[in-house]
Amino acid sequence: MMEVGLAGQIVIGLIAGLLVGAFHFTSLWWNTRFFATGAAGKAIALQLGRIAVAVAVLTLLARLGLAALLCGALVFLLARPLLLSRFGALR
């Protein structure tokens, strides 16, 4: 496996965390729409898919290094309030 420096780990973690966090929490919004309209099969498939993507990306970041994992997880969690302000107004 290729060695990445600390700055590289931080940048990769921030970008990956933001992308997977945005996907995760946006798909959660769609997931609730599927459940609300009675499309339980689609909702369950999306639920499993979004969790699998999050776990896979965080696992890859952990293999890359501690800094990548910590930055990725932090930005993943920070994506939630950003998207809540966007989708929360659409009720």
N, C-alpha and C. Protein backbone atom coordinates (compact mmCIF):
# COMPACT_ATOMS: atom_id res chain seq x y z
N MET A 1 0.85 -1.18 0.00
CA MET A 1 0.00 0.00 0.00
C MET A 1 0.89 1.24 0.00
N MET A 2 0.46 2.25 -0.73
CA MET A 2 1.25 3.46 -0.85
C MET A 2 1.17 4.30 0.43
N GLU A 3 2.29 4.82 0.84
CA GLU A 3 2.38 5.65 2.03
C GLU A 3 1.97 7.09 1.67
N VAL A 4 1.08 7.66 2.47
CA VAL A 4 0.61 9.03 2.26
C VAL A 4 1.00 9.83 3.49
N GLY A 5 1.54 11.03 3.27
CA GLY A 5 1.94 11.89 4.38
C GLY A 5 0.74 12.42 5.15
N LEU A 6 1.04 13.08 6.24
CA LEU A 6 -0.01 13.59 7.12
C LEU A 6 -0.91 14.59 6.39
N ALA A 7 -0.32 15.51 5.65
CA ALA A 7 -1.13 16.50 4.92
C ALA A 7 -2.02 15.80 3.89
N GLY A 8 -1.50 14.80 3.23
CA GLY A 8 -2.29 14.04 2.26
C GLY A 8 -3.45 13.31 2.92
N GLN A 9 -3.19 12.72 4.08
CA GLN A 9 -4.24 12.03 4.82
C GLN A 9 -5.35 13.00 5.21
N ILE A 10 -4.96 14.19 5.66
CA ILE A 10 -5.96 15.17 6.08
C ILE A 10 -6.82 15.60 4.89
N VAL A 11 -6.19 15.90 3.77
CA VAL A 11 -6.94 16.33 2.59
C VAL A 11 -7.86 15.22 2.09
N ILE A 12 -7.33 14.01 1.98
CA ILE A 12 -8.14 12.88 1.52
C ILE A 12 -9.30 12.63 2.48
N GLY A 13 -9.02 12.69 3.78
CA GLY A 13 -10.07 12.47 4.77
C GLY A 13 -11.16 13.53 4.69
N LEU A 14 -10.78 14.79 4.52
CA LEU A 14 -11.77 15.86 4.45
C LEU A 14 -12.65 15.73 3.21
N ILE A 15 -12.03 15.44 2.08
CA ILE A 15 -12.80 15.32 0.83
C ILE A 15 -13.71 14.09 0.87
N ALA A 16 -13.15 12.96 1.26
CA ALA A 16 -13.94 11.72 1.30
C ALA A 16 -15.07 11.83 2.33
N GLY A 17 -14.77 12.40 3.48
CA GLY A 17 -15.80 12.56 4.51
C GLY A 17 -16.94 13.45 4.06
N LEU A 18 -16.59 14.54 3.38
CA LEU A 18 -17.63 15.44 2.89
C LEU A 18 -18.50 14.76 1.84
N LEU A 19 -17.87 14.06 0.91
CA LEU A 19 -18.64 13.40 -0.15
C LEU A 19 -19.53 12.29 0.40
N VAL A 20 -18.97 11.43 1.23
CA VAL A 20 -19.78 10.33 1.75
C VAL A 20 -20.82 10.82 2.75
N GLY A 21 -20.50 11.87 3.51
CA GLY A 21 -21.48 12.45 4.43
C GLY A 21 -22.64 13.08 3.68
N ALA A 22 -22.33 13.80 2.60
CA ALA A 22 -23.38 14.41 1.79
C ALA A 22 -24.26 13.33 1.17
N PHE A 23 -23.63 12.27 0.64
CA PHE A 23 -24.41 11.16 0.08
C PHE A 23 -25.27 10.49 1.15
N HIS A 24 -24.67 10.23 2.30
CA HIS A 24 -25.35 9.51 3.37
C HIS A 24 -26.59 10.26 3.86
N PHE A 25 -26.43 11.53 4.15
CA PHE A 25 -27.55 12.27 4.73
C PHE A 25 -28.56 12.71 3.67
N THR A 26 -28.13 12.89 2.43
CA THR A 26 -29.09 13.17 1.37
C THR A 26 -29.93 11.93 1.08
N SER A 27 -29.28 10.77 1.06
CA SER A 27 -30.03 9.54 0.82
C SER A 27 -30.93 9.20 2.01
N LEU A 28 -30.60 9.67 3.19
CA LEU A 28 -31.50 9.49 4.33
C LEU A 28 -32.80 10.26 4.11
N TRP A 29 -32.69 11.45 3.52
CA TRP A 29 -33.88 12.23 3.20
C TRP A 29 -34.75 11.46 2.21
N TRP A 30 -34.11 10.89 1.17
CA TRP A 30 -34.86 10.09 0.21
C TRP A 30 -35.44 8.84 0.87
N ASN A 31 -34.71 8.28 1.79
CA ASN A 31 -35.16 7.08 2.49
C ASN A 31 -36.47 7.35 3.23
N THR A 32 -36.56 8.47 3.90
CA THR A 32 -37.80 8.80 4.61
C THR A 32 -38.95 9.02 3.63
N ARG A 33 -38.66 9.58 2.48
CA ARG A 33 -39.70 9.76 1.45
C ARG A 33 -40.21 8.40 0.97
N PHE A 34 -39.31 7.46 0.75
CA PHE A 34 -39.73 6.13 0.32
C PHE A 34 -40.60 5.45 1.36
N PHE A 35 -40.20 5.53 2.63
CA PHE A 35 -41.02 4.94 3.69
C PHE A 35 -42.38 5.62 3.78
N ALA A 36 -42.42 6.93 3.64
CA ALA A 36 -43.67 7.67 3.76
C ALA A 36 -44.64 7.36 2.62
N THR A 37 -44.12 7.02 1.46
CA THR A 37 -44.99 6.72 0.31
C THR A 37 -45.29 5.23 0.17
N GLY A 38 -44.79 4.42 1.07
CA GLY A 38 -45.09 3.00 1.04
C GLY A 38 -44.14 2.16 0.21
N ALA A 39 -43.06 2.73 -0.23
CA ALA A 39 -42.07 1.98 -1.03
C ALA A 39 -41.01 1.40 -0.08
N ALA A 40 -41.44 0.47 0.75
CA ALA A 40 -40.56 -0.06 1.78
C ALA A 40 -39.37 -0.83 1.20
N GLY A 41 -39.57 -1.52 0.10
CA GLY A 41 -38.47 -2.26 -0.52
C GLY A 41 -37.35 -1.33 -0.96
N LYS A 42 -37.71 -0.24 -1.62
CA LYS A 42 -36.71 0.74 -2.04
C LYS A 42 -36.04 1.37 -0.83
N ALA A 43 -36.82 1.65 0.19
CA ALA A 43 -36.28 2.27 1.39
C ALA A 43 -35.26 1.37 2.08
N ILE A 44 -35.56 0.10 2.18
CA ILE A 44 -34.64 -0.84 2.84
C ILE A 44 -33.37 -1.02 2.01
N ALA A 45 -33.53 -1.12 0.69
CA ALA A 45 -32.35 -1.25 -0.19
C ALA A 45 -31.47 -0.01 -0.09
N LEU A 46 -32.07 1.16 -0.09
CA LEU A 46 -31.30 2.40 0.04
C LEU A 46 -30.63 2.48 1.40
N GLN A 47 -31.33 2.06 2.45
CA GLN A 47 -30.77 2.07 3.80
C GLN A 47 -29.52 1.19 3.86
N LEU A 48 -29.62 -0.01 3.34
CA LEU A 48 -28.47 -0.92 3.36
C LEU A 48 -27.33 -0.38 2.50
N GLY A 49 -27.66 0.20 1.36
CA GLY A 49 -26.64 0.75 0.48
C GLY A 49 -25.90 1.92 1.10
N ARG A 50 -26.64 2.84 1.72
CA ARG A 50 -25.98 4.02 2.28
C ARG A 50 -25.11 3.66 3.49
N ILE A 51 -25.53 2.69 4.27
CA ILE A 51 -24.72 2.25 5.40
C ILE A 51 -23.47 1.52 4.89
N ALA A 52 -23.62 0.70 3.85
CA ALA A 52 -22.48 -0.03 3.29
C ALA A 52 -21.45 0.93 2.71
N VAL A 53 -21.90 1.97 2.03
CA VAL A 53 -20.98 2.96 1.47
C VAL A 53 -20.23 3.68 2.58
N ALA A 54 -20.95 4.10 3.62
CA ALA A 54 -20.31 4.81 4.74
C ALA A 54 -19.27 3.93 5.43
N VAL A 55 -19.62 2.68 5.68
CA VAL A 55 -18.69 1.76 6.35
C VAL A 55 -17.47 1.51 5.46
N ALA A 56 -17.69 1.32 4.17
CA ALA A 56 -16.58 1.04 3.26
C ALA A 56 -15.61 2.22 3.19
N VAL A 57 -16.13 3.43 3.07
CA VAL A 57 -15.26 4.60 2.97
C VAL A 57 -14.52 4.83 4.28
N LEU A 58 -15.20 4.72 5.40
CA LEU A 58 -14.52 4.92 6.68
C LEU A 58 -13.48 3.83 6.93
N THR A 59 -13.73 2.62 6.47
CA THR A 59 -12.74 1.54 6.60
C THR A 59 -11.52 1.84 5.75
N LEU A 60 -11.74 2.31 4.52
CA LEU A 60 -10.60 2.67 3.67
C LEU A 60 -9.80 3.83 4.27
N LEU A 61 -10.48 4.79 4.85
CA LEU A 61 -9.77 5.90 5.50
C LEU A 61 -8.97 5.41 6.70
N ALA A 62 -9.51 4.46 7.44
CA ALA A 62 -8.79 3.90 8.58
C ALA A 62 -7.53 3.17 8.12
N ARG A 63 -7.61 2.50 6.99
CA ARG A 63 -6.43 1.81 6.45
C ARG A 63 -5.39 2.81 5.96
N LEU A 64 -5.84 3.97 5.54
CA LEU A 64 -4.93 5.00 5.06
C LEU A 64 -4.15 5.62 6.21
N GLY A 65 -4.83 5.84 7.33
CA GLY A 65 -4.16 6.40 8.50
C GLY A 65 -5.14 7.02 9.47
N LEU A 66 -4.69 7.24 10.69
CA LEU A 66 -5.54 7.79 11.74
C LEU A 66 -6.03 9.20 11.40
N ALA A 67 -5.16 10.03 10.86
CA ALA A 67 -5.55 11.40 10.52
C ALA A 67 -6.64 11.40 9.44
N ALA A 68 -6.52 10.52 8.46
CA ALA A 68 -7.54 10.43 7.40
C ALA A 68 -8.88 10.00 7.99
N LEU A 69 -8.85 9.02 8.88
CA LEU A 69 -10.09 8.55 9.50
C LEU A 69 -10.72 9.64 10.36
N LEU A 70 -9.93 10.30 11.20
CA LEU A 70 -10.49 11.33 12.08
C LEU A 70 -11.05 12.51 11.29
N CYS A 71 -10.34 12.97 10.28
CA CYS A 71 -10.83 14.09 9.46
C CYS A 71 -12.07 13.67 8.67
N GLY A 72 -12.04 12.47 8.13
CA GLY A 72 -13.20 11.98 7.38
C GLY A 72 -14.43 11.84 8.24
N ALA A 73 -14.27 11.28 9.44
CA ALA A 73 -15.40 11.11 10.34
C ALA A 73 -15.94 12.46 10.82
N LEU A 74 -15.04 13.40 11.08
CA LEU A 74 -15.48 14.73 11.54
C LEU A 74 -16.30 15.43 10.47
N VAL A 75 -15.81 15.44 9.24
CA VAL A 75 -16.53 16.12 8.16
C VAL A 75 -17.80 15.35 7.81
N PHE A 76 -17.78 14.03 7.93
CA PHE A 76 -18.98 13.23 7.73
C PHE A 76 -20.09 13.71 8.67
N LEU A 77 -19.75 13.89 9.93
CA LEU A 77 -20.74 14.35 10.91
C LEU A 77 -21.13 15.81 10.69
N LEU A 78 -20.21 16.63 10.22
CA LEU A 78 -20.53 18.04 9.96
C LEU A 78 -21.42 18.21 8.74
N ALA A 79 -21.47 17.21 7.87
CA ALA A 79 -22.35 17.29 6.70
C ALA A 79 -23.82 17.27 7.10
N ARG A 80 -24.12 16.66 8.23
CA ARG A 80 -25.52 16.55 8.66
C ARG A 80 -26.16 17.91 8.91
N PRO A 81 -25.60 18.77 9.76
CA PRO A 81 -26.27 20.07 9.96
C PRO A 81 -26.30 20.93 8.70
N LEU A 82 -25.30 20.79 7.84
CA LEU A 82 -25.32 21.54 6.59
C LEU A 82 -26.49 21.10 5.71
N LEU A 83 -26.70 19.81 5.62
CA LEU A 83 -27.80 19.31 4.81
C LEU A 83 -29.15 19.50 5.50
N LEU A 84 -29.17 19.48 6.82
CA LEU A 84 -30.42 19.73 7.53
C LEU A 84 -30.92 21.14 7.25
N SER A 85 -30.01 22.09 7.19
CA SER A 85 -30.42 23.45 6.89
C SER A 85 -30.96 23.54 5.46
N ARG A 86 -30.46 22.69 4.58
CA ARG A 86 -30.92 22.68 3.18
C ARG A 86 -32.23 21.94 3.04
N PHE A 87 -32.33 20.72 3.56
CA PHE A 87 -33.52 19.90 3.38
C PHE A 87 -34.57 20.13 4.46
N GLY A 88 -34.17 20.68 5.59
CA GLY A 88 -35.14 20.92 6.66
C GLY A 88 -36.21 21.92 6.27
N ALA A 89 -35.89 22.83 5.37
CA ALA A 89 -36.84 23.84 4.93
C ALA A 89 -37.82 23.31 3.89
N LEU A 90 -37.63 22.10 3.41
CA LEU A 90 -38.48 21.55 2.37
C LEU A 90 -39.67 20.78 2.90
N ARG A 91 -39.91 20.80 4.17
CA ARG A 91 -41.00 20.02 4.77
C ARG A 91 -42.30 20.35 4.18
